[in-house]
PDB file of N, CA and C in Angstrom:
ATOM      1  N   MET A   1     -22.118  35.123 -37.250  1.00  0.00           N
ATOM      2  CA  MET A   1     -22.714  34.862 -36.488  1.00  0.00           C
ATOM      3  C   MET A   1     -21.424  33.690 -35.608  1.00  0.00           C
ATOM      4  N   THR A   2     -20.970  33.465 -34.997  1.00  0.00           N
ATOM      5  CA  THR A   2     -19.364  32.561 -34.642  1.00  0.00           C
ATOM      6  C   THR A   2     -19.613  31.190 -34.414  1.00  0.00           C
ATOM      7  N   GLU A   3     -19.325  30.228 -35.763  1.00  0.00           N
ATOM      8  CA  GLU A   3     -19.828  28.988 -35.239  1.00  0.00           C
ATOM      9  C   GLU A   3     -18.915  28.097 -34.167  1.00  0.00           C
ATOM     10  N   ARG A   4     -19.720  27.359 -33.426  1.00  0.00           N
ATOM     11  CA  ARG A   4     -19.115  26.816 -32.376  1.00  0.00           C
ATOM     12  C   ARG A   4     -18.494  25.183 -32.755  1.00  0.00           C
ATOM     13  N   ASN A   5     -17.394  24.680 -32.208  1.00  0.00           N
ATOM     14  CA  ASN A   5     -16.802  23.728 -32.338  1.00  0.00           C
ATOM     15  C   ASN A   5     -17.672  22.782 -31.612  1.00  0.00           C
ATOM     16  N   PRO A   6     -17.888  21.415 -31.309  1.00  0.00           N
ATOM     17  CA  PRO A   6     -18.664  20.879 -30.099  1.00  0.00           C
ATOM     18  C   PRO A   6     -17.629  20.593 -29.099  1.00  0.00           C
ATOM     19  N   TRP A   7     -17.839  20.170 -28.156  1.00  0.00           N
ATOM     20  CA  TRP A   7     -16.950  20.147 -26.992  1.00  0.00           C
ATOM     21  C   TRP A   7     -16.215  19.287 -26.896  1.00  0.00           C
ATOM     22  N   TYR A   8     -16.191  18.104 -27.790  1.00  0.00           N
ATOM     23  CA  TYR A   8     -15.239  17.083 -28.159  1.00  0.00           C
ATOM     24  C   TYR A   8     -14.325  17.383 -28.527  1.00  0.00           C
ATOM     25  N   ARG A   9     -14.589  18.085 -29.537  1.00  0.00           N
ATOM     26  CA  ARG A   9     -13.613  18.414 -30.308  1.00  0.00           C
ATOM     27  C   ARG A   9     -12.446  20.190 -30.235  1.00  0.00           C
ATOM     28  N   GLN A  10     -12.440  20.113 -28.769  1.00  0.00           N
ATOM     29  CA  GLN A  10     -11.745  20.893 -28.216  1.00  0.00           C
ATOM     30  C   GLN A  10     -10.602  20.782 -27.536  1.00  0.00           C
ATOM     31  N   PHE A  11      -9.688  21.311 -27.048  1.00  0.00           N
ATOM     32  CA  PHE A  11      -8.031  20.968 -26.625  1.00  0.00           C
ATOM     33  C   PHE A  11      -8.393  20.674 -24.983  1.00  0.00           C
ATOM     34  N   TRP A  12      -9.260  21.776 -24.188  1.00  0.00           N
ATOM     35  CA  TRP A  12      -9.206  21.469 -22.935  1.00  0.00           C
ATOM     36  C   TRP A  12     -10.557  20.248 -22.179  1.00  0.00           C
ATOM     37  N   PRO A  13     -10.919  20.194 -22.996  1.00  0.00           N
ATOM     38  CA  PRO A  13     -11.680  19.282 -21.880  1.00  0.00           C
ATOM     39  C   PRO A  13     -10.757  17.455 -21.997  1.00  0.00           C
ATOM     40  N   TRP A  14     -10.368  17.376 -23.043  1.00  0.00           N
ATOM     41  CA  TRP A  14      -9.118  16.149 -23.346  1.00  0.00           C
ATOM     42  C   TRP A  14      -8.810  15.939 -22.662  1.00  0.00           C
ATOM     43  N   PHE A  15      -7.439  17.435 -22.110  1.00  0.00           N
ATOM     44  CA  PHE A  15      -7.106  17.723 -21.525  1.00  0.00           C
ATOM     45  C   PHE A  15      -6.936  17.494 -19.758  1.00  0.00           C
ATOM     46  N   LEU A  16      -8.395  17.930 -19.738  1.00  0.00           N
ATOM     47  CA  LEU A  16      -8.765  17.392 -18.076  1.00  0.00           C
ATOM     48  C   LEU A  16      -9.226  16.436 -17.674  1.00  0.00           C
ATOM     49  N   ILE A  17      -9.766  15.851 -18.910  1.00  0.00           N
ATOM     50  CA  ILE A  17     -10.228  14.345 -18.827  1.00  0.00           C
ATOM     51  C   ILE A  17      -9.060  13.471 -18.475  1.00  0.00           C
ATOM     52  N   GLY A  18      -7.918  13.776 -19.236  1.00  0.00           N
ATOM     53  CA  GLY A  18      -6.643  13.067 -19.410  1.00  0.00           C
ATOM     54  C   GLY A  18      -6.130  12.514 -17.956  1.00  0.00           C
ATOM     55  N   ILE A  19      -6.344  14.256 -17.690  1.00  0.00           N
ATOM     56  CA  ILE A  19      -4.937  14.340 -16.101  1.00  0.00           C
ATOM     57  C   ILE A  19      -5.209  13.112 -15.201  1.00  0.00           C
ATOM     58  N   PRO A  20      -7.107  12.772 -14.936  1.00  0.00           N
ATOM     59  CA  PRO A  20      -6.636  12.031 -13.784  1.00  0.00           C
ATOM     60  C   PRO A  20      -6.858  10.119 -14.245  1.00  0.00           C
ATOM     61  N   LEU A  21      -7.195  10.026 -15.828  1.00  0.00           N
ATOM     62  CA  LEU A  21      -7.406   9.159 -16.808  1.00  0.00           C
ATOM     63  C   LEU A  21      -5.680   8.699 -16.415  1.00  0.00           C
ATOM     64  N   LEU A  22      -4.542   9.230 -16.889  1.00  0.00           N
ATOM     65  CA  LEU A  22      -3.234   8.947 -16.445  1.00  0.00           C
ATOM     66  C   LEU A  22      -3.033   8.458 -15.474  1.00  0.00           C
ATOM     67  N   GLY A  23      -3.234   8.817 -14.054  1.00  0.00           N
ATOM     68  CA  GLY A  23      -3.321   8.671 -12.891  1.00  0.00           C
ATOM     69  C   GLY A  23      -3.735   7.353 -12.414  1.00  0.00           C
ATOM     70  N   MET A  24      -4.821   7.091 -13.006  1.00  0.00           N
ATOM     71  CA  MET A  24      -5.725   5.663 -12.918  1.00  0.00           C
ATOM     72  C   MET A  24      -4.822   4.564 -13.903  1.00  0.00           C
ATOM     73  N   VAL A  25      -4.202   4.965 -14.727  1.00  0.00           N
ATOM     74  CA  VAL A  25      -3.231   3.986 -15.962  1.00  0.00           C
ATOM     75  C   VAL A  25      -2.149   3.771 -14.969  1.00  0.00           C
ATOM     76  N   LEU A  26      -1.660   4.890 -14.552  1.00  0.00           N
ATOM     77  CA  LEU A  26      -0.201   4.718 -13.741  1.00  0.00           C
ATOM     78  C   LEU A  26      -0.510   3.989 -12.423  1.00  0.00           C
ATOM     79  N   SER A  27      -1.465   3.958 -12.007  1.00  0.00           N
ATOM     80  CA  SER A  27      -1.395   3.674 -10.330  1.00  0.00           C
ATOM     81  C   SER A  27      -1.663   2.045 -10.573  1.00  0.00           C
ATOM     82  N   THR A  28      -2.543   2.084 -11.851  1.00  0.00           N
ATOM     83  CA  THR A  28      -2.763   0.138 -12.116  1.00  0.00           C
ATOM     84  C   THR A  28      -1.501  -0.292 -12.323  1.00  0.00           C
ATOM     85  N   ILE A  29      -0.453   0.407 -13.436  1.00  0.00           N
ATOM     86  CA  ILE A  29       0.656  -0.165 -13.806  1.00  0.00           C
ATOM     87  C   ILE A  29       1.560  -0.196 -12.399  1.00  0.00           C
ATOM     88  N   THR A  30       1.775   0.702 -11.053  1.00  0.00           N
ATOM     89  CA  THR A  30       2.461   0.046 -10.200  1.00  0.00           C
ATOM     90  C   THR A  30       1.629  -0.940  -9.473  1.00  0.00           C
ATOM     91  N   ALA A  31      -0.063  -1.464  -9.384  1.00  0.00           N
ATOM     92  CA  ALA A  31      -0.023  -1.665  -8.336  1.00  0.00           C
ATOM     93  C   ALA A  31       0.018  -3.658  -9.035  1.00  0.00           C
ATOM     94  N   VAL A  32       0.324  -3.651 -10.652  1.00  0.00           N
ATOM     95  CA  VAL A  32       0.777  -4.869 -11.001  1.00  0.00           C
ATOM     96  C   VAL A  32       1.949  -5.225 -11.043  1.00  0.00           C
ATOM     97  N   ILE A  33       2.899  -4.061 -10.578  1.00  0.00           N
ATOM     98  CA  ILE A  33       4.622  -4.367 -10.507  1.00  0.00           C
ATOM     99  C   ILE A  33       4.477  -4.594  -8.757  1.00  0.00           C
ATOM    100  N   ALA A  34       3.642  -4.449  -8.208  1.00  0.00           N
ATOM    101  CA  ALA A  34       3.952  -4.793  -6.769  1.00  0.00           C
ATOM    102  C   ALA A  34       3.363  -5.599  -6.409  1.00  0.00           C
ATOM    103  N   ILE A  35       2.006  -6.390  -7.084  1.00  0.00           N
ATOM    104  CA  ILE A  35       1.944  -8.040  -6.752  1.00  0.00           C
ATOM    105  C   ILE A  35       2.302  -8.817  -7.675  1.00  0.00           C
ATOM    106  N   SER A  36       3.230  -9.170  -8.782  1.00  0.00           N
ATOM    107  CA  SER A  36       3.513  -9.730  -9.048  1.00  0.00           C
ATOM    108  C   SER A  36       4.986 -10.223  -8.904  1.00  0.00           C
ATOM    109  N   GLY A  37       5.584  -8.615  -8.441  1.00  0.00           N
ATOM    110  CA  GLY A  37       6.851  -8.919  -7.881  1.00  0.00           C
ATOM    111  C   GLY A  37       7.356  -8.176  -6.357  1.00  0.00           C
ATOM    112  N   ALA A  38       6.032  -9.504  -5.878  1.00  0.00           N
ATOM    113  CA  ALA A  38       6.074  -9.081  -4.355  1.00  0.00           C
ATOM    114  C   ALA A  38       6.851  -9.915  -3.670  1.00  0.00           C
ATOM    115  N   ASP A  39       7.617  -9.723  -2.770  1.00  0.00           N
ATOM    116  CA  ASP A  39       8.949 -11.330  -2.146  1.00  0.00           C
ATOM    117  C   ASP A  39       8.101 -12.015  -1.182  1.00  0.00           C
ATOM    118  N   GLU A  40       8.937 -13.118  -1.428  1.00  0.00           N
ATOM    119  CA  GLU A  40       7.891 -14.257  -0.886  1.00  0.00           C
ATOM    120  C   GLU A  40       8.111 -14.509   0.856  1.00  0.00           C
ATOM    121  N   GLU A  41       6.962 -14.801   1.317  1.00  0.00           N
ATOM    122  CA  GLU A  41       7.697 -14.961   2.868  1.00  0.00           C
ATOM    123  C   GLU A  41       8.433 -15.400   3.196  1.00  0.00           C
ATOM    124  N   VAL A  42       9.895 -15.022   4.056  1.00  0.00           N
ATOM    125  CA  VAL A  42      10.486 -15.666   4.527  1.00  0.00           C
ATOM    126  C   VAL A  42      10.231 -16.380   6.109  1.00  0.00           C
ATOM    127  N   ARG A  43      10.719 -18.017   6.096  1.00  0.00           N
ATOM    128  CA  ARG A  43      10.122 -18.661   7.059  1.00  0.00           C
ATOM    129  C   ARG A  43      11.193 -19.467   7.421  1.00  0.00           C
ATOM    130  N   ASP A  44      11.164 -19.264   8.886  1.00  0.00           N
ATOM    131  CA  ASP A  44      12.011 -20.642   9.057  1.00  0.00           C
ATOM    132  C   ASP A  44      13.373 -20.277   9.392  1.00  0.00           C
ATOM    133  N   THR A  45      14.111 -18.671   9.319  1.00  0.00           N
ATOM    134  CA  THR A  45      15.277 -18.668   9.559  1.00  0.00           C
ATOM    135  C   THR A  45      15.523 -17.328  10.889  1.00  0.00           C
ATOM    136  N   GLU A  46      14.522 -17.619  11.695  1.00  0.00           N
ATOM    137  CA  GLU A  46      14.427 -16.851  12.500  1.00  0.00           C
ATOM    138  C   GLU A  46      16.074 -16.880  13.638  1.00  0.00           C
ATOM    139  N   VAL A  47      16.398 -15.811  13.527  1.00  0.00           N
ATOM    140  CA  VAL A  47      17.694 -15.115  14.449  1.00  0.00           C
ATOM    141  C   VAL A  47      17.594 -14.892  15.714  1.00  0.00           C
ATOM    142  N   PRO A  48      17.960 -15.793  16.761  1.00  0.00           N
ATOM    143  CA  PRO A  48      17.734 -15.174  18.222  1.00  0.00           C
ATOM    144  C   PRO A  48      18.585 -14.092  18.596  1.00  0.00           C
ATOM    145  N   LEU A  49      17.793 -12.737  19.403  1.00  0.00           N
ATOM    146  CA  LEU A  49      18.237 -11.687  19.061  1.00  0.00           C
ATOM    147  C   LEU A  49      18.778 -11.988  21.214  1.00  0.00           C
ATOM    148  N   SER A  50      20.063 -10.876  21.153  1.00  0.00           N
ATOM    149  CA  SER A  50      20.650 -11.590  22.266  1.00  0.00           C
ATOM    150  C   SER A  50      19.435 -10.398  23.475  1.00  0.00           C
ATOM    151  N   LYS A  51      20.124 -10.566  24.565  1.00  0.00           N
ATOM    152  CA  LYS A  51      19.463  -9.739  25.496  1.00  0.00           C
ATOM    153  C   LYS A  51      18.967  -8.379  25.415  1.00  0.00           C
ATOM    154  N   THR A  52      20.902  -8.366  25.249  1.00  0.00           N
ATOM    155  CA  THR A  52      21.001  -6.844  25.471  1.00  0.00           C
ATOM    156  C   THR A  52      20.895  -6.065  24.594  1.00  0.00           C
ATOM    157  N   SER A  53      20.081  -6.955  23.139  1.00  0.00           N
ATOM    158  CA  SER A  53      19.936  -5.842  22.276  1.00  0.00           C
ATOM    159  C   SER A  53      18.802  -5.246  22.383  1.00  0.00           C
ATOM    160  N   TRP A  54      17.808  -5.542  23.213  1.00  0.00           N
ATOM    161  CA  TRP A  54      16.913  -4.999  23.541  1.00  0.00           C
ATOM    162  C   TRP A  54      16.711  -4.241  24.758  1.00  0.00           C
ATOM    163  N   THR A  55      17.656  -3.913  25.528  1.00  0.00           N
ATOM    164  CA  THR A  55      18.024  -3.101  27.156  1.00  0.00           C
ATOM    165  C   THR A  55      18.992  -1.438  26.784  1.00  0.00           C
ATOM    166  N   ARG A  56      18.403  -0.777  27.156  1.00  0.00           N
ATOM    167  CA  ARG A  56      19.111   0.647  26.902  1.00  0.00           C
ATOM    168  C   ARG A  56      20.295   0.635  27.947  1.00  0.00           C
ATOM    169  N   GLU A  57      20.984   1.098  27.440  1.00  0.00           N
ATOM    170  CA  GLU A  57      22.240   1.703  28.664  1.00  0.00           C
ATOM    171  C   GLU A  57      22.001   2.715  29.585  1.00  0.00           C
ATOM    172  N   SER A  58      22.765   2.179  30.258  1.00  0.00           N
ATOM    173  CA  SER A  58      21.916   3.599  31.628  1.00  0.00           C
ATOM    174  C   SER A  58      23.095   4.798  31.004  1.00  0.00           C
ATOM    175  N   PRO A  59      23.775   5.862  32.069  1.00  0.00           N
ATOM    176  CA  PRO A  59      24.160   6.868  31.504  1.00  0.00           C
ATOM    177  C   PRO A  59      26.048   7.140  31.496  1.00  0.00           C
ATOM    178  N   ALA A  60      25.750   6.076  32.666  1.00  0.00           N
ATOM    179  CA  ALA A  60      27.608   6.154  32.362  1.00  0.00           C
ATOM    180  C   ALA A  60      27.656   4.622  31.571  1.00  0.00           C
ATOM    181  N   GLY A  61      27.143   4.209  30.877  1.00  0.00           N
ATOM    182  CA  GLY A  61      27.459   3.650  29.802  1.00  0.00           C
ATOM    183  C   GLY A  61      27.686   1.853  30.459  1.00  0.00           C
ATOM    184  N   GLU A  62      27.078   1.961  31.577  1.00  0.00           N
ATOM    185  CA  GLU A  62      26.817  -0.025  32.162  1.00  0.00           C
ATOM    186  C   GLU A  62      26.054  -0.020  31.691  1.00  0.00           C
ATOM    187  N   HIS A  63      25.924  -1.461  31.559  1.00  0.00           N
ATOM    188  CA  HIS A  63      24.801  -2.339  31.371  1.00  0.00           C
ATOM    189  C   HIS A  63      23.833  -2.550  32.426  1.00  0.00           C
ATOM    190  N   GLU A  64      22.176  -2.645  32.304  1.00  0.00           N
ATOM    191  CA  GLU A  64      21.537  -3.136  33.364  1.00  0.00           C
ATOM    192  C   GLU A  64      21.224  -4.642  34.136  1.00  0.00           C
TER     193      GLU A  64
END
């Protein structure tokens, strides 16, 4: 009779368990980098836009 090894001594269960675990570790690292390196909110630096930057030009190239 063939002697069978327990499941934890096989390669494939650890390989299949490792794929989601690796994804969890890498996503956690990505989240930590994103949170710790977040840009600060910019305040008091509003630049007024001219009215012409929001209007479309007519087909003839003239402004409305």
